[in-house]
Amino acid sequence: MPSSLSRRQFVTGSALAMSGLPTSWAQTANTFPSRPVQLVVPFPPGGVVDQTGRAMAQSLFKLWKQPVVINTKPGAGGAVGMATVANAPADGYTLLAAHPFINTLPESERQFGRTSAHDRSHFVPLSLIVADPLVLVVKADSPWKTYDDFVTDAKRRPDTIAYSSSGAYSAVHLPIEMLAHSAGIKLRHIPYSGGGPALTAVLGNVVATTAGAPAVLAPQIKAGELRALVTTGVSRHPLLPDVPTAKELGYQGAEFYLWVGLFASAKTDEAMVQQLRRDVARAAADAEFVQYMGRLGAPLDVRDGPAFQAFLQQDSERISAAIRRIGKVD
């Protein structure tokens, strides 16, 4: 045995040779990460993807002892961030924080006869982190005390009651249309440039209703400015335990979540993917991370790769069906 090769290195290399695993992977696994990891967030700072991504970056830093740098890449409904990760070296050092846009974007592009440059097939799911239903709200002084009241009125006045969203095919537009479809009603859609302006439109009596994350809207609901009518999850939200779900009211097909999960390039080595999944699971179980997400009011729903994949498929089917019903929105 050459003197420059230690017995431990010789045994490790021999074992890898017999197992069929490349020696280069062993070297990577023993040192990963040896430099900062980039977590791409495809939306502007301050949103749920950014907040979750930054919390996860801090938790992974504690585990890895290497910085996890948030790289904000907004644009084209998330497509810019997707392209950044898809085109980066598939070595585990560039990850993607995503939400339903990864399912929404390809289907919405098809409505215009276009093909999205990147879709979910270009990425491998590492872990679901958060799955937050949305809550439909109206002003507290509105005539609708319950969601059934709202539905009854909307049936009397089709295409009259207006709602605001954060844009076409957005995570506000889709769930409201899913709620409307499940109730057999037609509402009038008024798109805005974001969730903030959409909420302002309700508070200013420009439109009647909108939807948003419970953590965002709960303060105004509790302050008596807004009234919550219904949520889009399968169970009641811990921040709004008195607000029923659409499902329990008998409105099927309105399940929707503003979820956040982590992805790597689909070209990433399977052994690296498995390590990333294990490490993300450990980071998500960290007590400080759990406490921070609790303070944000974002319900943790941590699901490892295969379980996350199943969740994504169901989410994709619901979203695609909703977009096809909506059709082309100019």
Foldseek 3Di string as FASTA:
>chain_A
DDPVADPVNVVVVVVCVVVVHDPVVVVCVVCPPVEEAEEEEQDDPDDPLNVLVVLLQVLLCVVNVYGYHYDYHYDDLSLRSVCVQLPDPQARRYKYKDWCSLLQVQLLLVLVVDGRPDHPLQWFFFKWWFWFWKWKKFFLPDPDQAVVSVLVVQVVPAQPAEAEDLDPLDLWVLLVLQQCVLSVGHYHYDYDNGPVVRVVCRLVVVGGITMDTCLVCLVCCVVRGMPTHEIQAPADQPSCNPHYHCVVVPRPLSHGTRIIGMIHGPPHDPVSSVVSSVSSVVSSPDPVSVVVCVVSSTDTDIDGRVVVVVVSVVNSVSSSVSDVVVRHDD
